[in-house]
Amino acid sequence: MNIQKVSTLVVITAVLCGCSSSRNMVYQSSEVASVPKMTAVTMWPLSALLTNGQAYESEITMTLGNAEPPLTLSGQLLVRGGKLRVEGAFEKGGRKPKGTGDFGVIWDEAAHQGYVFSEALQGYAPISAAVRCTNVATQVMTETTERIEGHPTDRAKVTMAGSDGQTVTVQLERAQDLGKAPLRIDLISGPQPFTVVLSKVLPIVPAEELFSPPDGFTKYTNETAMLDELTARQYSTGGARHERGSRVDSDEPTPKKPRFSGAP
């Protein structure tokens, strides 16, 4: 093999490896890669902290602390009985990223199962968690000393034990006039660093149907299959057809706004 052929092979190999590395890097650094982290935080411990009081709707900001750079999901939260729904969009540099659409999680703490969904994909997938909250210990750190959006609050440290033997400790700023609903949650110790801030809390009962998978959405086998399909669409050009997971489509659906309503 002459030198010219060897050089050509080296160039081709470098290009192919570079493309493969680039595709993998795009996936790993995208907001899509943070969806499982958002799902995990919602299932545990967020659900255990938010579903033991009165029903309400609010705006929510969830920051995942170990992402680089840190990613923030901004949207809305619904709580009714032992169920919650979080829906929003990841922001980066103060802007909603193009092409990812909105993501959401619906969770039933009593049944310990729920769904993750993508508005851009018009799809959802079932989720479940093996870890259950087995014990909660609350220590009030300060009595009512300040107000957040007009709500008198206190500060408490809560340690929760999971069925897997792991503990999660958080600091809460709790609204005394909203059944001690946490307006801010900061992780002190646990597997996934996060901060959650609630605002514009309205003590109303969300409609029951909002805690079921969105009408008309296609069901995927699991969260991974759904996110793989979404990733494939982000790489596609010119409306090319892709088959991943459990469905085939030729056109990307137009992302919809979060569907929230007041009391039924």
C-alpha atoms as a PDB file:
ATOM      1  CA  MET A   1       0.000   0.000   0.000  1.00  0.00           C
ATOM      2  CA  ASN A   2       1.531   3.293  -1.035  1.00  0.00           C
ATOM      3  CA  ILE A   3       1.815   6.422   1.099  1.00  0.00           C
ATOM      4  CA  GLN A   4      -1.012   8.215  -0.725  1.00  0.00           C
ATOM      5  CA  LYS A   5      -3.490   5.386  -0.001  1.00  0.00           C
ATOM      6  CA  VAL A   6      -2.451   5.220   3.648  1.00  0.00           C
ATOM      7  CA  SER A   7      -2.940   8.981   4.008  1.00  0.00           C
ATOM      8  CA  THR A   8      -6.395   8.734   2.446  1.00  0.00           C
ATOM      9  CA  LEU A   9      -7.419   5.964   4.868  1.00  0.00           C
ATOM     10  CA  VAL A  10      -6.185   7.994   7.830  1.00  0.00           C
ATOM     11  CA  VAL A  11      -8.210  11.022   6.735  1.00  0.00           C
ATOM     12  CA  ILE A  12     -11.377   8.971   6.178  1.00  0.00           C
ATOM     13  CA  THR A  13     -10.995   7.232   9.543  1.00  0.00           C
ATOM     14  CA  ALA A  14     -10.481  10.543  11.336  1.00  0.00           C
ATOM     15  CA  VAL A  15     -13.559  12.044   9.692  1.00  0.00           C
ATOM     16  CA  LEU A  16     -15.746   9.038  10.561  1.00  0.00           C
ATOM     17  CA  CYS A  17     -14.518   8.940  14.149  1.00  0.00           C
ATOM     18  CA  GLY A  18     -15.001  12.677  14.456  1.00  0.00           C
ATOM     19  CA  CYS A  19     -18.598  12.435  13.241  1.00  0.00           C
ATOM     20  CA  SER A  20     -19.347   9.589  15.623  1.00  0.00           C
ATOM     21  CA  SER A  21     -17.815  11.465  18.541  1.00  0.00           C
ATOM     22  CA  SER A  22     -19.689  14.628  17.598  1.00  0.00           C
ATOM     23  CA  ARG A  23     -23.052  12.838  17.462  1.00  0.00           C
ATOM     24  CA  ASN A  24     -22.448  11.241  20.836  1.00  0.00           C
ATOM     25  CA  MET A  25     -21.308  14.559  22.333  1.00  0.00           C
ATOM     26  CA  VAL A  26     -24.419  16.327  21.037  1.00  0.00           C
ATOM     27  CA  TYR A  27     -26.647  13.730  22.666  1.00  0.00           C
ATOM     28  CA  GLN A  28     -24.799  13.713  25.968  1.00  0.00           C
ATOM     29  CA  SER A  29     -24.735  17.506  26.253  1.00  0.00           C
ATOM     30  CA  SER A  30     -28.332  18.100  25.108  1.00  0.00           C
ATOM     31  CA  GLU A  31     -31.329  18.883  27.277  1.00  0.00           C
ATOM     32  CA  VAL A  32     -32.703  15.475  26.264  1.00  0.00           C
ATOM     33  CA  ALA A  33     -29.954  13.830  28.331  1.00  0.00           C
ATOM     34  CA  SER A  34     -31.236  15.677  31.425  1.00  0.00           C
ATOM     35  CA  VAL A  35     -34.801  14.352  31.152  1.00  0.00           C
ATOM     36  CA  PRO A  36     -34.049  11.113  33.091  1.00  0.00           C
ATOM     37  CA  LYS A  37     -32.483  13.240  35.856  1.00  0.00           C
ATOM     38  CA  MET A  38     -35.576  15.441  35.977  1.00  0.00           C
ATOM     39  CA  THR A  39     -37.749  12.324  36.031  1.00  0.00           C
ATOM     40  CA  ALA A  40     -35.729  10.767  38.867  1.00  0.00           C
ATOM     41  CA  VAL A  41     -35.935  13.913  41.038  1.00  0.00           C
ATOM     42  CA  THR A  42     -39.690  14.143  40.463  1.00  0.00           C
ATOM     43  CA  MET A  43     -40.295  10.500  41.406  1.00  0.00           C
ATOM     44  CA  TRP A  44     -38.029  10.728  44.470  1.00  0.00           C
ATOM     45  CA  PRO A  45     -37.808  12.817  46.564  1.00  0.00           C
ATOM     46  CA  LEU A  46     -39.958  15.630  45.088  1.00  0.00           C
ATOM     47  CA  SER A  47     -43.172  13.601  45.045  1.00  0.00           C
ATOM     48  CA  ALA A  48     -42.790  12.666  48.710  1.00  0.00           C
ATOM     49  CA  LEU A  49     -42.402  16.349  49.652  1.00  0.00           C
ATOM     50  CA  LEU A  50     -45.248  17.786  47.591  1.00  0.00           C
ATOM     51  CA  THR A  51     -48.103  15.262  47.660  1.00  0.00           C
ATOM     52  CA  ASN A  52     -48.903  15.169  51.375  1.00  0.00           C
ATOM     53  CA  GLY A  53     -50.847  18.428  51.654  1.00  0.00           C
ATOM     54  CA  GLN A  54     -53.599  20.394  49.954  1.00  0.00           C
ATOM     55  CA  ALA A  55     -54.219  20.641  46.218  1.00  0.00           C
ATOM     56  CA  TYR A  56     -52.772  23.571  44.275  1.00  0.00           C
ATOM     57  CA  GLU A  57     -51.264  24.846  41.026  1.00  0.00           C
ATOM     58  CA  SER A  58     -48.071  26.867  40.773  1.00  0.00           C
ATOM     59  CA  GLU A  59     -45.181  27.841  38.578  1.00  0.00           C
ATOM     60  CA  ILE A  60     -42.052  25.762  39.122  1.00  0.00           C
ATOM     61  CA  THR A  61     -38.342  26.159  38.460  1.00  0.00           C
ATOM     62  CA  MET A  62     -36.180  23.032  38.807  1.00  0.00           C
ATOM     63  CA  THR A  63     -32.404  23.375  38.525  1.00  0.00           C
ATOM     64  CA  LEU A  64     -30.287  20.239  38.134  1.00  0.00           C
ATOM     65  CA  GLY A  65     -27.070  21.107  39.917  1.00  0.00           C
ATOM     66  CA  ASN A  66     -24.671  18.577  38.428  1.00  0.00           C
ATOM     67  CA  ALA A  67     -25.323  19.400  34.775  1.00  0.00           C
ATOM     68  CA  GLU A  68     -22.606  21.371  32.995  1.00  0.00           C
ATOM     69  CA  PRO A  69     -23.647  24.056  32.529  1.00  0.00           C
ATOM     70  CA  PRO A  70     -26.512  23.738  35.054  1.00  0.00           C
ATOM     71  CA  LEU A  71     -29.870  23.250  33.334  1.00  0.00           C
ATOM     72  CA  THR A  72     -33.156  24.679  34.541  1.00  0.00           C
ATOM     73  CA  LEU A  73     -36.650  23.419  33.782  1.00  0.00           C
ATOM     74  CA  SER A  74     -39.237  26.192  33.986  1.00  0.00           C
ATOM     75  CA  GLY A  75     -42.949  25.481  33.795  1.00  0.00           C
ATOM     76  CA  GLN A  76     -45.951  24.575  35.913  1.00  0.00           C
ATOM     77  CA  LEU A  77     -46.777  22.197  38.729  1.00  0.00           C
ATOM     78  CA  LEU A  78     -50.128  20.576  39.566  1.00  0.00           C
ATOM     79  CA  VAL A  79     -50.768  18.755  42.850  1.00  0.00           C
ATOM     80  CA  ARG A  80     -53.914  16.838  43.712  1.00  0.00           C
ATOM     81  CA  GLY A  81     -54.020  14.273  46.495  1.00  0.00           C
ATOM     82  CA  GLY A  82     -51.115  11.887  46.044  1.00  0.00           C
ATOM     83  CA  LYS A  83     -50.564  12.897  42.420  1.00  0.00           C
ATOM     84  CA  LEU A  84     -48.448  15.578  40.781  1.00  0.00           C
ATOM     85  CA  ARG A  85     -47.685  16.816  37.304  1.00  0.00           C
ATOM     86  CA  VAL A  86     -44.604  18.819  36.315  1.00  0.00           C
ATOM     87  CA  GLU A  87     -44.401  20.267  32.818  1.00  0.00           C
ATOM     88  CA  GLY A  88     -42.025  22.766  31.279  1.00  0.00           C
ATOM     89  CA  ALA A  89     -39.040  23.454  29.052  1.00  0.00           C
ATOM     90  CA  PHE A  90     -35.320  23.391  29.740  1.00  0.00           C
ATOM     91  CA  GLU A  91     -33.685  26.788  29.531  1.00  0.00           C
ATOM     92  CA  LYS A  92     -30.071  27.453  28.687  1.00  0.00           C
ATOM     93  CA  GLY A  93     -28.652  30.928  28.890  1.00  0.00           C
ATOM     94  CA  GLY A  94     -32.133  32.221  29.606  1.00  0.00           C
ATOM     95  CA  ARG A  95     -33.496  30.877  26.312  1.00  0.00           C
ATOM     96  CA  LYS A  96     -35.628  27.860  25.456  1.00  0.00           C
ATOM     97  CA  PRO A  97     -33.535  25.473  23.313  1.00  0.00           C
ATOM     98  CA  LYS A  98     -34.704  24.941  19.740  1.00  0.00           C
ATOM     99  CA  GLY A  99     -36.124  21.565  18.778  1.00  0.00           C
ATOM    100  CA  THR A 100     -36.525  19.908  22.174  1.00  0.00           C
ATOM    101  CA  GLY A 101     -40.115  20.984  22.844  1.00  0.00           C
ATOM    102  CA  ASP A 102     -41.652  20.581  26.274  1.00  0.00           C
ATOM    103  CA  PHE A 103     -41.247  17.693  28.693  1.00  0.00           C
ATOM    104  CA  GLY A 104     -43.416  16.577  31.565  1.00  0.00           C
ATOM    105  CA  VAL A 105     -43.793  14.005  34.313  1.00  0.00           C
ATOM    106  CA  ILE A 106     -47.041  12.708  35.791  1.00  0.00           C
ATOM    107  CA  TRP A 107     -46.581  10.782  39.037  1.00  0.00           C
ATOM    108  CA  ASP A 108     -48.905   8.886  41.397  1.00  0.00           C
ATOM    109  CA  GLU A 109     -47.106   8.556  44.722  1.00  0.00           C
ATOM    110  CA  ALA A 110     -49.585   6.012  46.134  1.00  0.00           C
ATOM    111  CA  ALA A 111     -49.335   3.716  43.105  1.00  0.00           C
ATOM    112  CA  HIS A 112     -45.627   4.556  42.730  1.00  0.00           C
ATOM    113  CA  GLN A 113     -45.871   4.806  38.983  1.00  0.00           C
ATOM    114  CA  GLY A 114     -46.499   7.405  36.310  1.00  0.00           C
ATOM    115  CA  TYR A 115     -45.529   8.725  32.890  1.00  0.00           C
ATOM    116  CA  VAL A 116     -42.949  10.926  31.195  1.00  0.00           C
ATOM    117  CA  PHE A 117     -44.019  12.721  28.029  1.00  0.00           C
ATOM    118  CA  SER A 118     -42.732  14.925  25.231  1.00  0.00           C
ATOM    119  CA  GLU A 119     -44.900  17.578  23.624  1.00  0.00           C
ATOM    120  CA  ALA A 120     -42.607  17.840  20.593  1.00  0.00           C
ATOM    121  CA  LEU A 121     -42.802  14.100  19.994  1.00  0.00           C
ATOM    122  CA  GLN A 122     -46.480  13.804  20.997  1.00  0.00           C
ATOM    123  CA  GLY A 123     -45.488  10.693  22.890  1.00  0.00           C
ATOM    124  CA  TYR A 124     -45.345   9.302  26.424  1.00  0.00           C
ATOM    125  CA  ALA A 125     -43.809   6.348  28.248  1.00  0.00           C
ATOM    126  CA  PRO A 126     -44.579   4.616  31.564  1.00  0.00           C
ATOM    127  CA  ILE A 127     -42.142   5.070  34.450  1.00  0.00           C
ATOM    128  CA  SER A 128     -41.814   3.459  37.860  1.00  0.00           C
ATOM    129  CA  ALA A 129     -39.403   3.568  40.781  1.00  0.00           C
ATOM    130  CA  ALA A 130     -38.156   0.780  42.984  1.00  0.00           C
ATOM    131  CA  VAL A 131     -37.378   3.136  45.902  1.00  0.00           C
ATOM    132  CA  ARG A 132     -40.156   4.146  48.310  1.00  0.00           C
ATOM    133  CA  CYS A 133     -40.065   6.671  51.115  1.00  0.00           C
ATOM    134  CA  THR A 134     -40.165   4.729  54.394  1.00  0.00           C
ATOM    135  CA  ASN A 135     -39.609   7.466  56.983  1.00  0.00           C
ATOM    136  CA  VAL A 136     -39.615  11.274  57.226  1.00  0.00           C
ATOM    137  CA  ALA A 137     -37.949  13.266  60.027  1.00  0.00           C
ATOM    138  CA  THR A 138     -38.583  17.033  60.157  1.00  0.00           C
ATOM    139  CA  GLN A 139     -36.596  19.555  62.174  1.00  0.00           C
ATOM    140  CA  VAL A 140     -37.872  23.148  62.284  1.00  0.00           C
ATOM    141  CA  MET A 141     -34.862  25.446  62.004  1.00  0.00           C
ATOM    142  CA  THR A 142     -36.559  28.848  62.263  1.00  0.00           C
ATOM    143  CA  GLU A 143     -40.098  29.939  63.120  1.00  0.00           C
ATOM    144  CA  THR A 144     -42.084  32.292  60.898  1.00  0.00           C
ATOM    145  CA  THR A 145     -39.738  35.214  60.303  1.00  0.00           C
ATOM    146  CA  GLU A 146     -40.198  36.290  56.694  1.00  0.00           C
ATOM    147  CA  ARG A 147     -42.607  36.261  53.784  1.00  0.00           C
ATOM    148  CA  ILE A 148     -42.248  34.865  50.272  1.00  0.00           C
ATOM    149  CA  GLU A 149     -44.729  36.361  47.793  1.00  0.00           C
ATOM    150  CA  GLY A 150     -46.822  37.408  50.774  1.00  0.00           C
ATOM    151  CA  HIS A 151     -46.838  33.963  52.398  1.00  0.00           C
ATOM    152  CA  PRO A 152     -45.493  33.653  55.969  1.00  0.00           C
ATOM    153  CA  THR A 153     -42.806  30.984  55.945  1.00  0.00           C
ATOM    154  CA  ASP A 154     -40.649  28.935  58.248  1.00  0.00           C
ATOM    155  CA  ARG A 155     -37.497  26.960  57.525  1.00  0.00           C
ATOM    156  CA  ALA A 156     -37.154  23.239  58.124  1.00  0.00           C
ATOM    157  CA  LYS A 157     -34.686  20.447  57.480  1.00  0.00           C
ATOM    158  CA  VAL A 158     -36.241  17.187  56.335  1.00  0.00           C
ATOM    159  CA  THR A 159     -34.480  13.839  56.170  1.00  0.00           C
ATOM    160  CA  MET A 160     -36.188  11.076  54.213  1.00  0.00           C
ATOM    161  CA  ALA A 161     -35.230   7.415  54.289  1.00  0.00           C
ATOM    162  CA  GLY A 162     -35.718   5.286  51.192  1.00  0.00           C
ATOM    163  CA  SER A 163     -36.531   1.599  50.979  1.00  0.00           C
ATOM    164  CA  ASP A 164     -33.055   1.045  49.509  1.00  0.00           C
ATOM    165  CA  GLY A 165     -31.411   2.305  52.717  1.00  0.00           C
ATOM    166  CA  GLN A 166     -30.338   5.619  51.193  1.00  0.00           C
ATOM    167  CA  THR A 167     -31.280   8.933  52.827  1.00  0.00           C
ATOM    168  CA  VAL A 168     -32.037  12.302  51.265  1.00  0.00           C
ATOM    169  CA  THR A 169     -31.850  15.537  53.276  1.00  0.00           C
ATOM    170  CA  VAL A 170     -33.326  18.829  52.077  1.00  0.00           C
ATOM    171  CA  GLN A 171     -33.939  22.322  53.412  1.00  0.00           C
ATOM    172  CA  LEU A 172     -37.449  23.722  52.937  1.00  0.00           C
ATOM    173  CA  GLU A 173     -38.963  27.183  53.000  1.00  0.00           C
ATOM    174  CA  ARG A 174     -42.592  26.360  53.894  1.00  0.00           C
ATOM    175  CA  ALA A 175     -45.695  28.550  53.434  1.00  0.00           C
ATOM    176  CA  GLN A 176     -47.664  28.475  56.672  1.00  0.00           C
ATOM    177  CA  ASP A 177     -50.903  29.625  55.017  1.00  0.00           C
ATOM    178  CA  LEU A 178     -50.725  26.922  52.318  1.00  0.00           C
ATOM    179  CA  GLY A 179     -50.596  23.854  54.519  1.00  0.00           C
ATOM    180  CA  LYS A 180     -46.808  24.172  54.848  1.00  0.00           C
ATOM    181  CA  ALA A 181     -46.326  23.663  51.131  1.00  0.00           C
ATOM    182  CA  PRO A 182     -42.606  24.061  50.271  1.00  0.00           C
ATOM    183  CA  LEU A 183     -41.945  27.217  48.272  1.00  0.00           C
ATOM    184  CA  ARG A 184     -38.262  26.376  47.980  1.00  0.00           C
ATOM    185  CA  ILE A 185     -36.438  23.046  48.243  1.00  0.00           C
ATOM    186  CA  ASP A 186     -32.633  22.833  48.399  1.00  0.00           C
ATOM    187  CA  LEU A 187     -30.848  19.504  48.503  1.00  0.00           C
ATOM    188  CA  ILE A 188     -28.393  19.156  51.388  1.00  0.00           C
ATOM    189  CA  SER A 189     -27.350  15.561  50.720  1.00  0.00           C
ATOM    190  CA  GLY A 190     -28.481  12.982  48.193  1.00  0.00           C
ATOM    191  CA  PRO A 191     -27.621  11.372  44.864  1.00  0.00           C
ATOM    192  CA  GLN A 192     -28.911  14.123  42.540  1.00  0.00           C
ATOM    193  CA  PRO A 193     -28.202  17.799  43.352  1.00  0.00           C
ATOM    194  CA  PHE A 194     -31.232  19.984  42.661  1.00  0.00           C
ATOM    195  CA  THR A 195     -33.103  23.115  43.685  1.00  0.00           C
ATOM    196  CA  VAL A 196     -36.847  23.636  43.262  1.00  0.00           C
ATOM    197  CA  VAL A 197     -38.629  26.980  43.585  1.00  0.00           C
ATOM    198  CA  LEU A 198     -42.417  27.400  43.496  1.00  0.00           C
ATOM    199  CA  SER A 199     -44.133  30.712  42.767  1.00  0.00           C
ATOM    200  CA  LYS A 200     -47.629  32.057  42.137  1.00  0.00           C
ATOM    201  CA  VAL A 201     -49.192  29.253  44.151  1.00  0.00           C
ATOM    202  CA  LEU A 202     -52.979  28.993  43.724  1.00  0.00           C
ATOM    203  CA  PRO A 203     -54.887  26.776  46.220  1.00  0.00           C
ATOM    204  CA  ILE A 204     -57.266  25.234  43.666  1.00  0.00           C
ATOM    205  CA  VAL A 205     -58.013  21.638  42.682  1.00  0.00           C
ATOM    206  CA  PRO A 206     -56.605  20.712  39.236  1.00  0.00           C
ATOM    207  CA  ALA A 207     -58.800  18.626  36.940  1.00  0.00           C
ATOM    208  CA  GLU A 208     -58.398  14.873  37.432  1.00  0.00           C
ATOM    209  CA  GLU A 209     -57.837  14.189  33.728  1.00  0.00           C
ATOM    210  CA  LEU A 210     -54.596  16.187  33.839  1.00  0.00           C
ATOM    211  CA  PHE A 211     -53.014  13.314  35.757  1.00  0.00           C
ATOM    212  CA  SER A 212     -53.477  10.862  32.876  1.00  0.00           C
ATOM    213  CA  PRO A 213     -51.399  10.613  29.673  1.00  0.00           C
ATOM    214  CA  PRO A 214     -52.285  13.386  27.202  1.00  0.00           C
ATOM    215  CA  ASP A 215     -55.016  12.476  24.707  1.00  0.00           C
ATOM    216  CA  GLY A 216     -53.762  11.434  21.292  1.00  0.00           C
ATOM    217  CA  PHE A 217     -50.173  10.852  22.403  1.00  0.00           C
ATOM    218  CA  THR A 218     -48.439   7.667  21.266  1.00  0.00           C
ATOM    219  CA  LYS A 219     -47.241   5.247  23.936  1.00  0.00           C
ATOM    220  CA  TYR A 220     -43.593   4.161  23.907  1.00  0.00           C
ATOM    221  CA  THR A 221     -42.227   1.080  25.627  1.00  0.00           C
ATOM    222  CA  ASN A 222     -40.105   3.057  28.064  1.00  0.00           C
ATOM    223  CA  GLU A 223     -38.422   6.413  28.618  1.00  0.00           C
ATOM    224  CA  THR A 224     -35.264   5.408  26.758  1.00  0.00           C
ATOM    225  CA  ALA A 225     -37.173   4.435  23.611  1.00  0.00           C
ATOM    226  CA  MET A 226     -39.039   7.739  23.640  1.00  0.00           C
ATOM    227  CA  LEU A 227     -35.885   9.830  24.093  1.00  0.00           C
ATOM    228  CA  ASP A 228     -34.058   7.844  21.409  1.00  0.00           C
ATOM    229  CA  GLU A 229     -36.837   8.724  18.960  1.00  0.00           C
ATOM    230  CA  LEU A 230     -36.664  12.390  19.920  1.00  0.00           C
ATOM    231  CA  THR A 231     -32.882  12.404  19.525  1.00  0.00           C
ATOM    232  CA  ALA A 232     -33.196  10.823  16.061  1.00  0.00           C
ATOM    233  CA  ARG A 233     -35.596  13.570  15.020  1.00  0.00           C
ATOM    234  CA  GLN A 234     -33.213  16.262  16.216  1.00  0.00           C
ATOM    235  CA  TYR A 235     -30.533  14.800  13.925  1.00  0.00           C
ATOM    236  CA  SER A 236     -32.901  14.461  10.973  1.00  0.00           C
ATOM    237  CA  THR A 237     -33.020  16.975   8.126  1.00  0.00           C
ATOM    238  CA  GLY A 238     -35.722  17.844   5.638  1.00  0.00           C
ATOM    239  CA  GLY A 239     -38.441  15.891   7.430  1.00  0.00           C
ATOM    240  CA  ALA A 240     -36.688  12.565   6.802  1.00  0.00           C
ATOM    241  CA  ARG A 241     -38.449   9.485   8.060  1.00  0.00           C
ATOM    242  CA  HIS A 242     -37.050   7.680  11.121  1.00  0.00           C
ATOM    243  CA  GLU A 243     -38.100   4.522  12.861  1.00  0.00           C
ATOM    244  CA  ARG A 244     -37.011   4.228  16.479  1.00  0.00           C
ATOM    245  CA  GLY A 245     -38.703   2.799  19.531  1.00  0.00           C
ATOM    246  CA  SER A 246     -42.265   1.851  18.669  1.00  0.00           C
ATOM    247  CA  ARG A 247     -43.541   4.341  16.065  1.00  0.00           C
ATOM    248  CA  VAL A 248     -42.828   5.805  12.618  1.00  0.00           C
ATOM    249  CA  ASP A 249     -43.615   9.383  11.594  1.00  0.00           C
ATOM    250  CA  SER A 250     -42.718  11.604   8.650  1.00  0.00           C
ATOM    251  CA  ASP A 251     -43.426  15.028  10.151  1.00  0.00           C
ATOM    252  CA  GLU A 252     -42.587  16.515  13.520  1.00  0.00           C
ATOM    253  CA  PRO A 253     -45.725  17.584  15.409  1.00  0.00           C
ATOM    254  CA  THR A 254     -45.912  21.230  16.376  1.00  0.00           C
ATOM    255  CA  PRO A 255     -45.121  21.617  20.104  1.00  0.00           C
ATOM    256  CA  LYS A 256     -48.160  22.524  22.169  1.00  0.00           C
ATOM    257  CA  LYS A 257     -48.364  24.756  25.180  1.00  0.00           C
ATOM    258  CA  PRO A 258     -48.802  23.045  28.584  1.00  0.00           C
ATOM    259  CA  ARG A 259     -52.456  22.171  29.121  1.00  0.00           C
ATOM    260  CA  PHE A 260     -53.488  23.281  32.582  1.00  0.00           C
ATOM    261  CA  SER A 261     -56.871  24.219  33.991  1.00  0.00           C
ATOM    262  CA  GLY A 262     -58.438  25.067  37.282  1.00  0.00           C
ATOM    263  CA  ALA A 263     -60.934  23.127  39.328  1.00  0.00           C
ATOM    264  CA  PRO A 264     -63.192  20.755  37.327  1.00  0.00           C
END
